[in-house]
């Protein structure tokens, strides 16, 4: 699990806890519930967005399409 997912899930839980502490009652009305679900959706998209890490850039720059093309099999 990437660190970005852990950090964003922790931030989302803290936001929900702070909202409850302030008395916002996020799930009392339909508008507040939709807003909380939209916020969850935004955090989920950011957390799960593909990361263009160094490994992915190396794979794209090679002639093969992914790391599996670099594996050499013994034909004995």
N, C-alpha and C. Protein backbone atom coordinates (compact mmCIF):
# COMPACT_ATOMS: atom_id res chain seq x y z
N UNK A 1 0.86 -1.16 0.00
CA UNK A 1 0.00 0.00 0.00
C UNK A 1 0.91 1.23 0.00
N UNK A 2 0.70 2.14 -0.93
CA UNK A 2 1.58 3.31 -1.01
C UNK A 2 1.36 4.26 0.17
N UNK A 3 2.39 5.02 0.46
CA UNK A 3 2.33 5.97 1.58
C UNK A 3 1.27 7.05 1.34
N UNK A 4 1.04 7.40 0.08
CA UNK A 4 0.04 8.42 -0.25
C UNK A 4 -1.35 7.98 0.22
N UNK A 5 -1.67 6.70 0.04
CA UNK A 5 -2.97 6.19 0.47
C UNK A 5 -3.11 6.25 1.98
N UNK A 6 -2.06 5.89 2.70
CA UNK A 6 -2.10 5.91 4.17
C UNK A 6 -2.26 7.33 4.69
N UNK A 7 -1.53 8.27 4.11
CA UNK A 7 -1.60 9.66 4.57
C UNK A 7 -2.98 10.25 4.28
N UNK A 8 -3.49 10.04 3.09
CA UNK A 8 -4.79 10.63 2.74
C UNK A 8 -5.94 9.99 3.52
N UNK A 9 -5.85 8.70 3.80
CA UNK A 9 -6.91 8.08 4.61
C UNK A 9 -6.86 8.61 6.04
N UNK A 10 -5.67 8.84 6.57
CA UNK A 10 -5.55 9.42 7.90
C UNK A 10 -6.09 10.85 7.93
N UNK A 11 -5.79 11.63 6.91
CA UNK A 11 -6.30 13.00 6.84
C UNK A 11 -7.82 13.00 6.74
N UNK A 12 -8.38 12.09 5.96
CA UNK A 12 -9.84 12.03 5.83
C UNK A 12 -10.50 11.69 7.16
N UNK A 13 -9.95 10.74 7.88
CA UNK A 13 -10.51 10.37 9.19
C UNK A 13 -10.40 11.55 10.16
N UNK A 14 -9.29 12.26 10.14
CA UNK A 14 -9.13 13.42 11.01
C UNK A 14 -10.15 14.51 10.65
N UNK A 15 -10.38 14.73 9.36
CA UNK A 15 -11.38 15.72 8.95
C UNK A 15 -12.76 15.32 9.46
N UNK A 16 -13.12 14.05 9.34
CA UNK A 16 -14.42 13.60 9.84
C UNK A 16 -14.52 13.76 11.35
N UNK A 17 -13.47 13.41 12.07
CA UNK A 17 -13.49 13.55 13.53
C UNK A 17 -13.58 15.01 13.96
N UNK A 18 -12.84 15.89 13.28
CA UNK A 18 -12.92 17.31 13.61
C UNK A 18 -14.30 17.88 13.29
N UNK A 19 -14.91 17.43 12.21
CA UNK A 19 -16.25 17.90 11.87
C UNK A 19 -17.26 17.47 12.93
N UNK A 20 -17.13 16.25 13.41
CA UNK A 20 -18.03 15.78 14.46
C UNK A 20 -17.79 16.55 15.76
N UNK A 21 -16.54 16.85 16.05
CA UNK A 21 -16.21 17.59 17.26
C UNK A 21 -16.78 19.01 17.23
N UNK A 22 -16.78 19.61 16.05
CA UNK A 22 -17.32 20.96 15.91
C UNK A 22 -18.85 20.98 15.85
N UNK A 23 -19.46 19.81 15.80
CA UNK A 23 -20.91 19.74 15.80
C UNK A 23 -21.54 19.89 14.43
N UNK A 24 -20.81 19.57 13.38
CA UNK A 24 -21.35 19.73 12.03
C UNK A 24 -22.34 18.63 11.65
N UNK A 25 -22.27 17.49 12.28
CA UNK A 25 -23.17 16.36 12.03
C UNK A 25 -23.30 16.08 10.54
N UNK A 26 -22.24 15.51 9.98
CA UNK A 26 -22.13 15.33 8.53
C UNK A 26 -23.21 14.45 7.92
N UNK A 27 -23.80 13.58 8.68
CA UNK A 27 -24.77 12.64 8.10
C UNK A 27 -26.20 12.90 8.57
N UNK A 28 -26.47 14.15 8.98
CA UNK A 28 -27.82 14.48 9.45
C UNK A 28 -28.75 14.83 8.29
N UNK A 29 -28.23 15.51 7.28
CA UNK A 29 -29.06 15.88 6.13
C UNK A 29 -28.48 15.23 4.87
N UNK A 30 -29.29 15.22 3.82
CA UNK A 30 -28.85 14.61 2.56
C UNK A 30 -27.73 15.43 1.93
N UNK A 31 -27.76 16.75 2.09
CA UNK A 31 -26.72 17.61 1.50
C UNK A 31 -25.38 17.37 2.18
N UNK A 32 -25.39 17.25 3.48
CA UNK A 32 -24.14 16.99 4.21
C UNK A 32 -23.60 15.60 3.89
N UNK A 33 -24.50 14.64 3.72
CA UNK A 33 -24.08 13.28 3.38
C UNK A 33 -23.44 13.24 1.99
N UNK A 34 -24.07 13.91 1.03
CA UNK A 34 -23.51 13.97 -0.32
C UNK A 34 -22.16 14.68 -0.31
N UNK A 35 -22.03 15.75 0.47
CA UNK A 35 -20.75 16.46 0.56
C UNK A 35 -19.67 15.56 1.15
N UNK A 36 -20.01 14.79 2.17
CA UNK A 36 -19.03 13.88 2.77
C UNK A 36 -18.63 12.78 1.78
N UNK A 37 -19.59 12.28 1.01
CA UNK A 37 -19.27 11.25 0.02
C UNK A 37 -18.44 11.81 -1.14
N UNK A 38 -18.72 13.05 -1.53
CA UNK A 38 -17.90 13.69 -2.57
C UNK A 38 -16.48 13.88 -2.06
N UNK A 39 -16.34 14.31 -0.82
CA UNK A 39 -15.01 14.46 -0.22
C UNK A 39 -14.28 13.12 -0.18
N UNK A 40 -14.99 12.06 0.19
CA UNK A 40 -14.40 10.72 0.18
C UNK A 40 -13.98 10.32 -1.23
N UNK A 41 -14.81 10.63 -2.22
CA UNK A 41 -14.47 10.32 -3.61
C UNK A 41 -13.23 11.06 -4.09
N UNK A 42 -13.11 12.32 -3.72
CA UNK A 42 -11.93 13.10 -4.11
C UNK A 42 -10.68 12.52 -3.46
N UNK A 43 -10.75 12.23 -2.18
CA UNK A 43 -9.60 11.64 -1.50
C UNK A 43 -9.25 10.28 -2.09
N UNK A 44 -10.26 9.50 -2.46
CA UNK A 44 -10.00 8.18 -3.06
C UNK A 44 -9.32 8.32 -4.42
N UNK A 45 -9.78 9.24 -5.23
CA UNK A 45 -9.15 9.44 -6.54
C UNK A 45 -7.70 9.89 -6.41
N UNK A 46 -7.45 10.79 -5.49
CA UNK A 46 -6.07 11.26 -5.30
C UNK A 46 -5.20 10.13 -4.76
N UNK A 47 -5.73 9.35 -3.82
CA UNK A 47 -4.94 8.28 -3.21
C UNK A 47 -4.66 7.15 -4.19
N UNK A 48 -5.57 6.86 -5.07
CA UNK A 48 -5.42 5.72 -5.97
C UNK A 48 -4.94 6.10 -7.36
N UNK A 49 -4.65 7.38 -7.61
CA UNK A 49 -4.16 7.81 -8.92
C UNK A 49 -2.83 7.13 -9.21
N UNK A 50 -2.64 6.62 -10.42
CA UNK A 50 -1.39 5.92 -10.73
C UNK A 50 -0.17 6.83 -10.54
N UNK A 51 0.86 6.24 -9.99
CA UNK A 51 2.09 6.98 -9.72
C UNK A 51 3.08 6.73 -10.86
N UNK A 52 3.59 7.80 -11.44
CA UNK A 52 4.57 7.64 -12.50
C UNK A 52 5.97 7.59 -11.87
N UNK A 53 6.24 6.49 -11.22
CA UNK A 53 7.51 6.34 -10.52
C UNK A 53 8.63 6.06 -11.51
N UNK A 54 9.83 5.97 -11.01
CA UNK A 54 11.00 5.74 -11.85
C UNK A 54 10.88 4.42 -12.60
N UNK A 55 10.37 3.39 -11.95
CA UNK A 55 10.24 2.09 -12.60
C UNK A 55 9.33 2.15 -13.80
N UNK A 56 8.22 2.86 -13.67
CA UNK A 56 7.30 3.00 -14.80
C UNK A 56 7.93 3.78 -15.94
N UNK A 57 8.68 4.82 -15.63
CA UNK A 57 9.33 5.60 -16.68
C UNK A 57 10.38 4.77 -17.41
N UNK A 58 11.11 3.93 -16.67
CA UNK A 58 12.11 3.06 -17.30
C UNK A 58 11.41 2.07 -18.22
N UNK A 59 10.31 1.48 -17.77
CA UNK A 59 9.56 0.52 -18.60
C UNK A 59 9.06 1.17 -19.88
N UNK A 60 8.57 2.40 -19.79
CA UNK A 60 8.05 3.07 -20.97
C UNK A 60 9.16 3.45 -21.95
N UNK A 61 10.35 3.73 -21.42
CA UNK A 61 11.43 4.14 -22.31
C UNK A 61 12.07 2.94 -23.02
N UNK A 62 11.87 1.74 -22.51
CA UNK A 62 12.41 0.54 -23.17
C UNK A 62 11.50 0.15 -24.34
N UNK A 63 12.01 -0.72 -25.16
CA UNK A 63 11.22 -1.14 -26.32
C UNK A 63 10.02 -2.00 -25.91
N UNK A 64 10.14 -2.72 -24.79
CA UNK A 64 9.04 -3.56 -24.32
C UNK A 64 7.95 -2.73 -23.67
N UNK A 65 6.78 -3.33 -23.53
CA UNK A 65 5.68 -2.57 -22.97
C UNK A 65 5.68 -2.58 -21.44
N UNK A 66 6.29 -3.58 -20.82
CA UNK A 66 6.32 -3.60 -19.36
C UNK A 66 7.50 -4.44 -18.85
N UNK A 67 7.58 -4.61 -17.54
CA UNK A 67 8.73 -5.31 -16.94
C UNK A 67 8.77 -6.78 -17.34
N UNK A 68 7.66 -7.37 -17.68
CA UNK A 68 7.62 -8.78 -18.05
C UNK A 68 8.38 -9.07 -19.34
N UNK A 69 8.54 -8.07 -20.18
CA UNK A 69 9.28 -8.26 -21.43
C UNK A 69 10.78 -8.39 -21.20
N UNK A 70 11.26 -7.98 -20.04
CA UNK A 70 12.69 -8.06 -19.76
C UNK A 70 13.12 -9.40 -19.19
N UNK A 71 12.18 -10.27 -18.86
CA UNK A 71 12.50 -11.57 -18.26
C UNK A 71 13.02 -12.52 -19.33
N UNK A 72 14.16 -13.14 -19.04
CA UNK A 72 14.74 -14.13 -19.95
C UNK A 72 14.41 -15.52 -19.42
N UNK A 73 13.84 -16.35 -20.27
CA UNK A 73 13.48 -17.71 -19.89
C UNK A 73 14.53 -18.69 -20.42
N UNK A 74 14.87 -19.67 -19.60
CA UNK A 74 15.78 -20.73 -20.03
C UNK A 74 15.01 -21.68 -20.94
N UNK A 75 15.59 -22.00 -22.08
CA UNK A 75 14.93 -22.90 -23.02
C UNK A 75 15.64 -24.26 -23.02
N UNK A 76 15.77 -24.84 -21.82
CA UNK A 76 16.43 -26.14 -21.75
C UNK A 76 15.48 -27.23 -21.40
